[in-house]
């Protein structure tokens, strides 16, 4: 079996690792997370500075270890999600490029046909202005189209078909 198509690559179902990385990136990249994280850090600091019996006194070594641990796990997950999204964007761009090439070819074909039609129209105008008849077909199937002739306007005739002028 050959290499999967670009569409198959995009439609590939995400496995549990992809879904976890996407969820972590979506959660950590939100204002809700920033506000909750800020509230937790402030609460940690207030509890350990204002109340006695604090479990993590200043300089908050335990809090620093926990935040470092959180960063150590979330950063790679965010990178995995970004890499996967980058691959999808690359495939999407490739599909757009191929679609544009096909469309561009079609537009060029239409433009060529329009130019050909314009040349044919100009040739017909030239022939008509010269008063030359047109013929179609060849041999015994040839049909001679009548030349365009100027037909004089009808005479203004009286009641009994006689010209009022004469």
N, C-alpha and C. Protein backbone atom coordinates (compact mmCIF):
# COMPACT_ATOMS: atom_id res chain seq x y z
N UNK A 1 0.85 -1.17 0.00
CA UNK A 1 0.00 0.00 0.00
C UNK A 1 0.89 1.23 0.00
N UNK A 2 0.49 2.26 -0.75
CA UNK A 2 1.30 3.46 -0.91
C UNK A 2 1.14 4.43 0.24
N UNK A 3 1.73 5.56 0.03
CA UNK A 3 1.69 6.63 1.02
C UNK A 3 0.26 7.16 1.13
N UNK A 4 -0.24 7.42 2.34
CA UNK A 4 -1.61 7.92 2.49
C UNK A 4 -1.74 9.30 1.85
N UNK A 5 -2.95 9.57 1.33
CA UNK A 5 -3.18 10.86 0.69
C UNK A 5 -3.24 11.95 1.75
N UNK A 6 -3.20 13.19 1.27
CA UNK A 6 -3.25 14.33 2.20
C UNK A 6 -4.58 14.36 2.94
N UNK A 7 -5.66 14.04 2.25
CA UNK A 7 -6.98 14.03 2.90
C UNK A 7 -7.01 12.96 3.99
N UNK A 8 -6.47 11.78 3.69
CA UNK A 8 -6.44 10.70 4.70
C UNK A 8 -5.63 11.13 5.92
N UNK A 9 -4.56 11.86 5.68
CA UNK A 9 -3.70 12.33 6.78
C UNK A 9 -4.47 13.28 7.69
N UNK A 10 -5.27 14.17 7.10
CA UNK A 10 -6.05 15.12 7.92
C UNK A 10 -7.17 14.39 8.66
N UNK A 11 -7.82 13.46 7.98
CA UNK A 11 -8.97 12.76 8.57
C UNK A 11 -8.57 11.66 9.54
N UNK A 12 -7.28 11.39 9.66
CA UNK A 12 -6.80 10.34 10.55
C UNK A 12 -7.33 10.60 11.96
N UNK A 13 -7.95 9.61 12.59
CA UNK A 13 -8.47 9.85 13.94
C UNK A 13 -7.32 10.10 14.92
N UNK A 14 -7.56 11.02 15.81
CA UNK A 14 -6.53 11.33 16.81
C UNK A 14 -6.51 10.23 17.86
N UNK A 15 -5.31 9.83 18.25
CA UNK A 15 -5.21 8.82 19.30
C UNK A 15 -5.30 9.53 20.66
N UNK A 16 -5.24 8.76 21.72
CA UNK A 16 -5.43 9.32 23.06
C UNK A 16 -4.33 10.33 23.41
N UNK A 17 -3.09 10.09 22.92
CA UNK A 17 -2.00 11.03 23.20
C UNK A 17 -2.24 12.37 22.50
N UNK A 18 -2.72 12.31 21.25
CA UNK A 18 -3.02 13.55 20.53
C UNK A 18 -4.13 14.34 21.22
N UNK A 19 -5.17 13.61 21.63
CA UNK A 19 -6.29 14.28 22.30
C UNK A 19 -5.86 14.90 23.63
N UNK A 20 -5.01 14.18 24.38
CA UNK A 20 -4.51 14.70 25.66
C UNK A 20 -3.67 15.95 25.43
N UNK A 21 -2.77 15.89 24.45
CA UNK A 21 -1.93 17.06 24.17
C UNK A 21 -2.77 18.25 23.73
N UNK A 22 -3.77 18.01 22.89
CA UNK A 22 -4.65 19.11 22.44
C UNK A 22 -5.44 19.70 23.61
N UNK A 23 -5.92 18.83 24.49
CA UNK A 23 -6.69 19.32 25.63
C UNK A 23 -5.83 20.14 26.59
N UNK A 24 -4.60 19.67 26.84
CA UNK A 24 -3.68 20.41 27.72
C UNK A 24 -3.36 21.77 27.09
N UNK A 25 -3.04 21.79 25.80
CA UNK A 25 -2.71 23.04 25.13
C UNK A 25 -3.90 24.00 25.14
N UNK A 26 -5.10 23.46 24.93
CA UNK A 26 -6.30 24.30 24.93
C UNK A 26 -6.57 24.86 26.33
N UNK A 27 -6.39 24.03 27.34
CA UNK A 27 -6.66 24.47 28.72
C UNK A 27 -5.62 25.49 29.19
N UNK A 28 -4.36 25.19 29.01
CA UNK A 28 -3.30 26.07 29.50
C UNK A 28 -3.24 27.36 28.70
N UNK A 29 -3.69 27.31 27.47
CA UNK A 29 -3.68 28.51 26.65
C UNK A 29 -4.93 29.35 26.78
N UNK A 30 -5.60 29.27 27.92
CA UNK A 30 -6.85 30.04 28.10
C UNK A 30 -6.71 31.03 29.26
N UNK A 31 -7.50 32.06 29.20
CA UNK A 31 -7.51 33.05 30.29
C UNK A 31 -8.04 32.43 31.58
N UNK A 32 -8.95 31.48 31.45
CA UNK A 32 -9.49 30.82 32.63
C UNK A 32 -8.35 30.15 33.42
N UNK A 33 -7.45 29.46 32.71
CA UNK A 33 -6.33 28.81 33.38
C UNK A 33 -5.43 29.85 34.04
N UNK A 34 -5.13 30.94 33.34
CA UNK A 34 -4.25 31.98 33.90
C UNK A 34 -4.87 32.55 35.17
N UNK A 35 -6.15 32.81 35.16
CA UNK A 35 -6.80 33.37 36.36
C UNK A 35 -6.82 32.37 37.51
N UNK A 36 -7.13 31.12 37.22
CA UNK A 36 -7.15 30.10 38.27
C UNK A 36 -5.74 29.90 38.84
N UNK A 37 -4.74 29.83 37.96
CA UNK A 37 -3.36 29.66 38.41
C UNK A 37 -2.93 30.83 39.29
N UNK A 38 -3.30 32.05 38.88
CA UNK A 38 -2.95 33.25 39.66
C UNK A 38 -3.62 33.20 41.04
N UNK A 39 -4.88 32.82 41.08
CA UNK A 39 -5.59 32.71 42.37
C UNK A 39 -4.94 31.66 43.26
N UNK A 40 -4.56 30.53 42.70
CA UNK A 40 -3.93 29.48 43.50
C UNK A 40 -2.58 29.94 44.06
N UNK A 41 -1.78 30.60 43.24
CA UNK A 41 -0.47 31.07 43.71
C UNK A 41 -0.65 32.12 44.80
N UNK A 42 -1.57 33.07 44.58
CA UNK A 42 -1.82 34.10 45.60
C UNK A 42 -2.33 33.48 46.90
N UNK A 43 -3.22 32.50 46.79
CA UNK A 43 -3.73 31.83 47.98
C UNK A 43 -2.59 31.11 48.72
N UNK A 44 -1.75 30.44 47.97
CA UNK A 44 -0.58 29.74 48.54
C UNK A 44 0.30 30.72 49.31
N UNK A 45 0.59 31.84 48.70
CA UNK A 45 1.47 32.84 49.32
C UNK A 45 0.80 33.42 50.57
N UNK A 46 -0.48 33.77 50.48
CA UNK A 46 -1.17 34.36 51.63
C UNK A 46 -1.25 33.38 52.80
N UNK A 47 -1.59 32.14 52.50
CA UNK A 47 -1.70 31.15 53.57
C UNK A 47 -0.34 30.95 54.25
N UNK A 48 0.72 30.92 53.48
CA UNK A 48 2.04 30.63 54.04
C UNK A 48 2.75 31.85 54.61
N UNK A 49 2.20 33.04 54.44
CA UNK A 49 2.85 34.22 55.03
C UNK A 49 2.02 34.81 56.16
N UNK A 50 0.71 34.82 56.06
CA UNK A 50 -0.12 35.48 57.06
C UNK A 50 -0.51 34.57 58.23
N UNK A 51 -0.67 33.30 57.96
CA UNK A 51 -1.08 32.40 59.03
C UNK A 51 0.12 31.62 59.55
N UNK A 52 0.06 31.35 60.79
CA UNK A 52 1.14 30.56 61.39
C UNK A 52 1.01 29.10 60.99
N UNK A 53 2.04 28.37 61.20
CA UNK A 53 2.02 26.94 60.89
C UNK A 53 2.08 26.67 59.40
N UNK A 54 2.72 27.52 58.67
CA UNK A 54 2.79 27.37 57.22
C UNK A 54 3.65 26.15 56.85
N UNK A 55 3.25 25.45 55.84
CA UNK A 55 3.99 24.28 55.39
C UNK A 55 5.07 24.63 54.36
N UNK A 56 5.00 25.84 53.78
CA UNK A 56 5.99 26.24 52.78
C UNK A 56 6.33 27.70 53.02
N UNK A 57 7.33 27.92 53.87
CA UNK A 57 7.70 29.29 54.22
C UNK A 57 8.49 29.93 53.09
N UNK A 58 8.55 31.26 53.17
CA UNK A 58 9.31 32.01 52.18
C UNK A 58 10.71 31.45 52.09
N UNK A 59 11.23 31.18 50.97
CA UNK A 59 11.02 31.56 49.56
C UNK A 59 10.17 30.58 48.78
N UNK A 60 9.27 29.87 49.41
CA UNK A 60 8.29 29.01 48.76
C UNK A 60 8.94 27.96 47.85
N UNK A 61 9.81 27.19 48.40
CA UNK A 61 10.53 26.17 47.63
C UNK A 61 9.57 25.11 47.08
N UNK A 62 8.64 24.67 47.91
CA UNK A 62 7.70 23.64 47.47
C UNK A 62 6.84 24.15 46.31
N UNK A 63 6.37 25.39 46.40
CA UNK A 63 5.57 25.97 45.31
C UNK A 63 6.41 26.05 44.04
N UNK A 64 7.67 26.45 44.14
CA UNK A 64 8.54 26.52 42.96
C UNK A 64 8.75 25.13 42.34
N UNK A 65 8.90 24.12 43.19
CA UNK A 65 9.08 22.76 42.68
C UNK A 65 7.82 22.31 41.94
N UNK A 66 6.65 22.57 42.52
CA UNK A 66 5.39 22.18 41.88
C UNK A 66 5.16 22.92 40.56
N UNK A 67 5.45 24.23 40.54
CA UNK A 67 5.29 24.98 39.29
C UNK A 67 6.29 24.52 38.23
N UNK A 68 7.50 24.17 38.64
CA UNK A 68 8.50 23.65 37.69
C UNK A 68 8.07 22.30 37.15
N UNK A 69 7.51 21.47 38.01
CA UNK A 69 7.01 20.17 37.58
C UNK A 69 5.87 20.34 36.58
N UNK A 70 4.97 21.26 36.88
CA UNK A 70 3.86 21.55 35.96
C UNK A 70 4.41 22.01 34.60
N UNK A 71 5.37 22.91 34.60
CA UNK A 71 5.95 23.41 33.35
C UNK A 71 6.69 22.30 32.59
N UNK A 72 7.36 21.41 33.34
CA UNK A 72 8.12 20.33 32.70
C UNK A 72 7.20 19.37 31.94
N UNK A 73 5.98 19.18 32.41
CA UNK A 73 5.05 18.28 31.72
C UNK A 73 4.19 18.99 30.68
N UNK A 74 3.83 20.22 30.94
CA UNK A 74 2.94 20.90 29.99
C UNK A 74 3.66 21.40 28.74
N UNK A 75 4.90 21.83 28.87
CA UNK A 75 5.62 22.37 27.70
C UNK A 75 5.74 21.33 26.58
N UNK A 76 6.17 20.09 26.87
CA UNK A 76 6.24 19.11 25.77
C UNK A 76 4.86 18.78 25.18
N UNK A 77 3.84 18.76 26.02
CA UNK A 77 2.50 18.46 25.51
C UNK A 77 2.01 19.58 24.59
N UNK A 78 2.31 20.81 24.96
CA UNK A 78 1.94 21.94 24.09
C UNK A 78 2.70 21.85 22.78
N UNK A 79 3.97 21.48 22.84
CA UNK A 79 4.76 21.34 21.61
C UNK A 79 4.21 20.22 20.72
N UNK A 80 3.79 19.11 21.33
CA UNK A 80 3.21 18.02 20.53
C UNK A 80 1.95 18.49 19.82
N UNK A 81 1.11 19.21 20.54
CA UNK A 81 -0.11 19.73 19.94
C UNK A 81 0.20 20.71 18.81
N UNK A 82 1.17 21.58 19.02
CA UNK A 82 1.56 22.54 17.99
C UNK A 82 2.16 21.84 16.77
N UNK A 83 2.96 20.80 17.00
CA UNK A 83 3.53 20.05 15.87
C UNK A 83 2.45 19.38 15.05
N UNK A 84 1.48 18.79 15.74
CA UNK A 84 0.38 18.14 15.04
C UNK A 84 -0.43 19.16 14.25
N UNK A 85 -0.70 20.30 14.86
CA UNK A 85 -1.44 21.35 14.17
C UNK A 85 -0.62 21.90 13.00
N UNK A 86 0.69 21.99 13.18
CA UNK A 86 1.57 22.43 12.09
C UNK A 86 1.51 21.48 10.91
N UNK A 87 1.46 20.17 11.19
CA UNK A 87 1.33 19.19 10.11
C UNK A 87 0.00 19.34 9.38
N UNK A 88 -1.06 19.55 10.14
CA UNK A 88 -2.37 19.76 9.52
C UNK A 88 -2.35 21.03 8.67
N UNK A 89 -1.75 22.09 9.17
CA UNK A 89 -1.66 23.34 8.41
C UNK A 89 -0.84 23.15 7.13
N UNK A 90 0.24 22.38 7.21
CA UNK A 90 1.08 22.12 6.03
C UNK A 90 0.29 21.35 4.98
N UNK A 91 -0.45 20.34 5.42
CA UNK A 91 -1.27 19.56 4.50
C UNK A 91 -2.36 20.43 3.89
N UNK A 92 -2.98 21.26 4.72
CA UNK A 92 -4.03 22.16 4.24
C UNK A 92 -3.47 23.13 3.20
N UNK A 93 -2.27 23.64 3.44
CA UNK A 93 -1.64 24.54 2.48
C UNK A 93 -1.33 23.81 1.17
N UNK A 94 -0.88 22.56 1.26
CA UNK A 94 -0.60 21.77 0.06
C UNK A 94 -1.88 21.55 -0.75
N UNK A 95 -2.98 21.24 -0.05
CA UNK A 95 -4.26 21.06 -0.74
C UNK A 95 -4.72 22.36 -1.39
N UNK A 96 -4.54 23.48 -0.70
CA UNK A 96 -4.89 24.78 -1.29
C UNK A 96 -4.07 25.05 -2.54
N UNK A 97 -2.77 24.73 -2.48
CA UNK A 97 -1.89 24.95 -3.62
C UNK A 97 -2.35 24.11 -4.82
N UNK A 98 -2.63 22.83 -4.57
CA UNK A 98 -3.08 21.97 -5.67
C UNK A 98 -4.41 22.45 -6.24
N UNK A 99 -5.32 22.87 -5.37
CA UNK A 99 -6.61 23.39 -5.82
C UNK A 99 -6.41 24.66 -6.66
N UNK A 100 -5.51 25.53 -6.22
CA UNK A 100 -5.24 26.76 -6.97
C UNK A 100 -4.65 26.44 -8.34
N UNK A 101 -3.77 25.44 -8.42
CA UNK A 101 -3.18 25.06 -9.71
C UNK A 101 -4.26 24.56 -10.66
N UNK A 102 -5.15 23.72 -10.17
CA UNK A 102 -6.23 23.19 -11.01
C UNK A 102 -7.13 24.33 -11.47
N UNK A 103 -7.49 25.20 -10.55
CA UNK A 103 -8.35 26.34 -10.89
C UNK A 103 -7.65 27.26 -11.88
N UNK A 104 -6.37 27.49 -11.68
CA UNK A 104 -5.60 28.36 -12.57
C UNK A 104 -5.58 27.78 -13.99
N UNK A 105 -5.39 26.46 -14.09
CA UNK A 105 -5.43 25.81 -15.40
C UNK A 105 -6.78 26.01 -16.07
N UNK A 106 -7.85 25.85 -15.32
CA UNK A 106 -9.19 26.03 -15.87
C UNK A 106 -9.41 27.46 -16.33
N UNK A 107 -8.94 28.41 -15.55
CA UNK A 107 -9.09 29.82 -15.92
C UNK A 107 -8.33 30.11 -17.20
N UNK A 108 -7.11 29.57 -17.32
CA UNK A 108 -6.32 29.78 -18.54
C UNK A 108 -7.02 29.17 -19.76
N UNK A 109 -7.63 27.99 -19.59
CA UNK A 109 -8.36 27.38 -20.71
C UNK A 109 -9.53 28.26 -21.13
N UNK A 110 -10.26 28.79 -20.16
CA UNK A 110 -11.39 29.67 -20.47
C UNK A 110 -10.89 30.94 -21.17
N UNK A 111 -9.81 31.52 -20.68
CA UNK A 111 -9.26 32.73 -21.30
C UNK A 111 -8.80 32.46 -22.74
N UNK A 112 -8.16 31.32 -22.96
CA UNK A 112 -7.75 30.97 -24.32
C UNK A 112 -8.96 30.84 -25.24
N UNK A 113 -10.01 30.20 -24.74
CA UNK A 113 -11.23 30.04 -25.54
C UNK A 113 -11.86 31.41 -25.82
N UNK A 114 -11.87 32.29 -24.84
CA UNK A 114 -12.42 33.64 -25.04
C UNK A 114 -11.60 34.40 -26.08
N UNK A 115 -10.27 34.27 -26.02
CA UNK A 115 -9.43 34.93 -27.03
C UNK A 115 -9.70 34.37 -28.41
N UNK A 116 -9.87 33.06 -28.49
CA UNK A 116 -10.19 32.43 -29.78
C UNK A 116 -11.54 32.94 -30.29
N UNK A 117 -12.51 33.02 -29.41
CA UNK A 117 -13.83 33.55 -29.79
C UNK A 117 -13.71 35.00 -30.26
N UNK A 118 -12.91 35.79 -29.56
CA UNK A 118 -12.74 37.19 -29.95
C UNK A 118 -12.12 37.29 -31.34
N UNK A 119 -11.13 36.43 -31.63
CA UNK A 119 -10.52 36.43 -32.97
C UNK A 119 -11.55 36.04 -34.03
N UNK A 120 -12.37 35.04 -33.72
CA UNK A 120 -13.40 34.62 -34.67
C UNK A 120 -14.42 35.73 -34.90
N UNK A 121 -14.80 36.42 -33.85
CA UNK A 121 -15.75 37.53 -33.99
C UNK A 121 -15.16 38.64 -34.84
N UNK A 122 -13.90 38.94 -34.61
CA UNK A 122 -13.25 39.99 -35.42
C UNK A 122 -13.18 39.58 -36.89
N UNK A 123 -12.92 38.31 -37.15
CA UNK A 123 -12.89 37.83 -38.53
C UNK A 123 -14.27 37.94 -39.16
N UNK A 124 -15.30 37.57 -38.40
CA UNK A 124 -16.67 37.69 -38.91
C UNK A 124 -17.03 39.15 -39.18
N UNK A 125 -16.64 40.04 -38.30
CA UNK A 125 -16.90 41.47 -38.51
C UNK A 125 -16.21 41.95 -39.79
N UNK A 126 -14.96 41.50 -39.96
CA UNK A 126 -14.22 41.90 -41.16
C UNK A 126 -14.92 41.41 -42.42
N UNK A 127 -15.34 40.14 -42.39
CA UNK A 127 -16.02 39.58 -43.56
C UNK A 127 -17.33 40.30 -43.84
N UNK A 128 -18.07 40.60 -42.79
CA UNK A 128 -19.34 41.30 -42.97
C UNK A 128 -19.12 42.72 -43.49
N UNK A 129 -18.10 43.39 -43.02
CA UNK A 129 -17.86 44.75 -43.49
C UNK A 129 -17.40 44.77 -44.94
N UNK A 130 -16.79 43.68 -45.39
CA UNK A 130 -16.38 43.59 -46.79
C UNK A 130 -17.52 43.13 -47.68
N UNK A 131 -18.62 42.68 -47.07
CA UNK A 131 -19.76 42.21 -47.84
C UNK A 131 -19.54 40.85 -48.44
N UNK A 132 -18.62 40.09 -47.91
CA UNK A 132 -18.31 38.77 -48.44
C UNK A 132 -19.28 37.78 -47.83
N UNK A 133 -19.81 36.86 -48.68
CA UNK A 133 -20.71 35.82 -48.19
C UNK A 133 -19.92 34.77 -47.44
N UNK A 134 -20.58 34.09 -46.58
CA UNK A 134 -19.95 33.04 -45.80
C UNK A 134 -20.40 31.70 -46.35
N UNK A 135 -19.54 30.74 -46.35
CA UNK A 135 -19.94 29.40 -46.76
C UNK A 135 -19.56 28.44 -45.64
N UNK A 136 -20.37 27.39 -45.52
CA UNK A 136 -20.08 26.38 -44.53
C UNK A 136 -20.03 25.04 -45.23
N UNK A 137 -19.26 24.13 -44.73
CA UNK A 137 -19.16 22.80 -45.31
C UNK A 137 -18.23 22.81 -46.51
N UNK A 138 -18.03 21.62 -47.08
CA UNK A 138 -17.17 21.49 -48.25
C UNK A 138 -17.83 20.54 -49.23
N UNK A 139 -17.43 20.61 -50.49
CA UNK A 139 -17.92 19.70 -51.51
C UNK A 139 -19.41 19.83 -51.73
N UNK A 140 -20.08 18.66 -51.87
CA UNK A 140 -21.51 18.70 -52.16
C UNK A 140 -22.34 19.16 -50.96
N UNK A 141 -21.74 19.11 -49.74
CA UNK A 141 -22.46 19.58 -48.54
C UNK A 141 -22.32 21.08 -48.34
N UNK A 142 -21.59 21.74 -49.23
CA UNK A 142 -21.36 23.17 -49.06
C UNK A 142 -22.69 23.92 -49.19
N UNK A 143 -22.91 24.80 -48.27
CA UNK A 143 -24.09 25.64 -48.29
C UNK A 143 -23.62 27.07 -48.39
N UNK A 144 -24.07 27.74 -49.39
CA UNK A 144 -23.66 29.12 -49.59
C UNK A 144 -24.62 30.01 -48.82
N UNK A 145 -24.06 30.76 -47.88
CA UNK A 145 -24.86 31.72 -47.14
C UNK A 145 -24.99 32.98 -47.99
N UNK A 146 -26.14 33.54 -48.07
CA UNK A 146 -26.30 34.74 -48.89
C UNK A 146 -25.50 35.89 -48.31
N UNK A 147 -24.97 36.70 -49.23
CA UNK A 147 -24.27 37.90 -48.80
C UNK A 147 -25.30 38.88 -48.26
N UNK A 148 -24.86 39.69 -47.36
CA UNK A 148 -25.76 40.70 -46.82
C UNK A 148 -25.84 41.82 -47.85
N UNK A 149 -27.06 42.14 -48.27
CA UNK A 149 -27.27 43.21 -49.25
C UNK A 149 -28.13 44.28 -48.61
N UNK A 150 -27.92 45.47 -49.06
CA UNK A 150 -28.76 46.56 -48.58
C UNK A 150 -30.09 46.49 -49.30
N UNK A 151 -31.16 46.43 -48.58
CA UNK A 151 -32.50 46.42 -49.16
C UNK A 151 -33.07 47.81 -48.99
N UNK A 152 -33.55 48.40 -50.09
CA UNK A 152 -34.10 49.75 -49.98
C UNK A 152 -35.33 49.75 -49.10
N UNK A 153 -35.60 50.86 -48.45
CA UNK A 153 -36.79 50.92 -47.60
C UNK A 153 -38.05 50.81 -48.45
N UNK A 154 -39.12 50.31 -47.90
CA UNK A 154 -40.36 50.18 -48.68
C UNK A 154 -40.89 51.56 -49.07
N UNK A 155 -41.53 51.57 -50.25
CA UNK A 155 -42.10 52.83 -50.72
C UNK A 155 -43.38 53.10 -49.96
N UNK A 156 -43.65 54.34 -49.79
CA UNK A 156 -44.88 54.74 -49.13
C UNK A 156 -45.98 54.72 -50.17
N UNK A 157 -46.83 53.73 -50.15
CA UNK A 157 -47.86 53.60 -51.16
C UNK A 157 -49.19 54.08 -50.64
N UNK A 158 -49.97 54.54 -51.51
CA UNK A 158 -51.29 55.07 -51.16
C UNK A 158 -52.27 53.96 -50.89
N UNK A 159 -53.56 54.34 -50.96
CA UNK A 159 -54.62 53.44 -50.63
C UNK A 159 -54.75 52.28 -51.62
N UNK A 160 -54.45 52.53 -52.89
CA UNK A 160 -54.64 51.51 -53.89
C UNK A 160 -53.32 50.95 -54.40
N UNK A 161 -52.24 51.10 -53.63
CA UNK A 161 -50.97 50.56 -54.05
C UNK A 161 -50.19 51.48 -54.93
N UNK A 162 -50.66 52.66 -55.19
CA UNK A 162 -49.94 53.60 -56.01
C UNK A 162 -49.07 54.47 -55.15
N UNK A 163 -47.98 54.82 -55.67
CA UNK A 163 -47.07 55.67 -54.93
C UNK A 163 -47.64 57.06 -54.83
N UNK A 164 -47.57 57.63 -53.69
CA UNK A 164 -48.09 58.96 -53.50
C UNK A 164 -47.19 59.99 -54.15
N UNK A 165 -45.93 59.59 -54.42
CA UNK A 165 -44.99 60.51 -55.03
C UNK A 165 -45.17 60.57 -56.53
N UNK A 166 -45.66 59.59 -57.16
CA UNK A 166 -45.64 59.62 -58.60
C UNK A 166 -46.93 59.34 -59.16
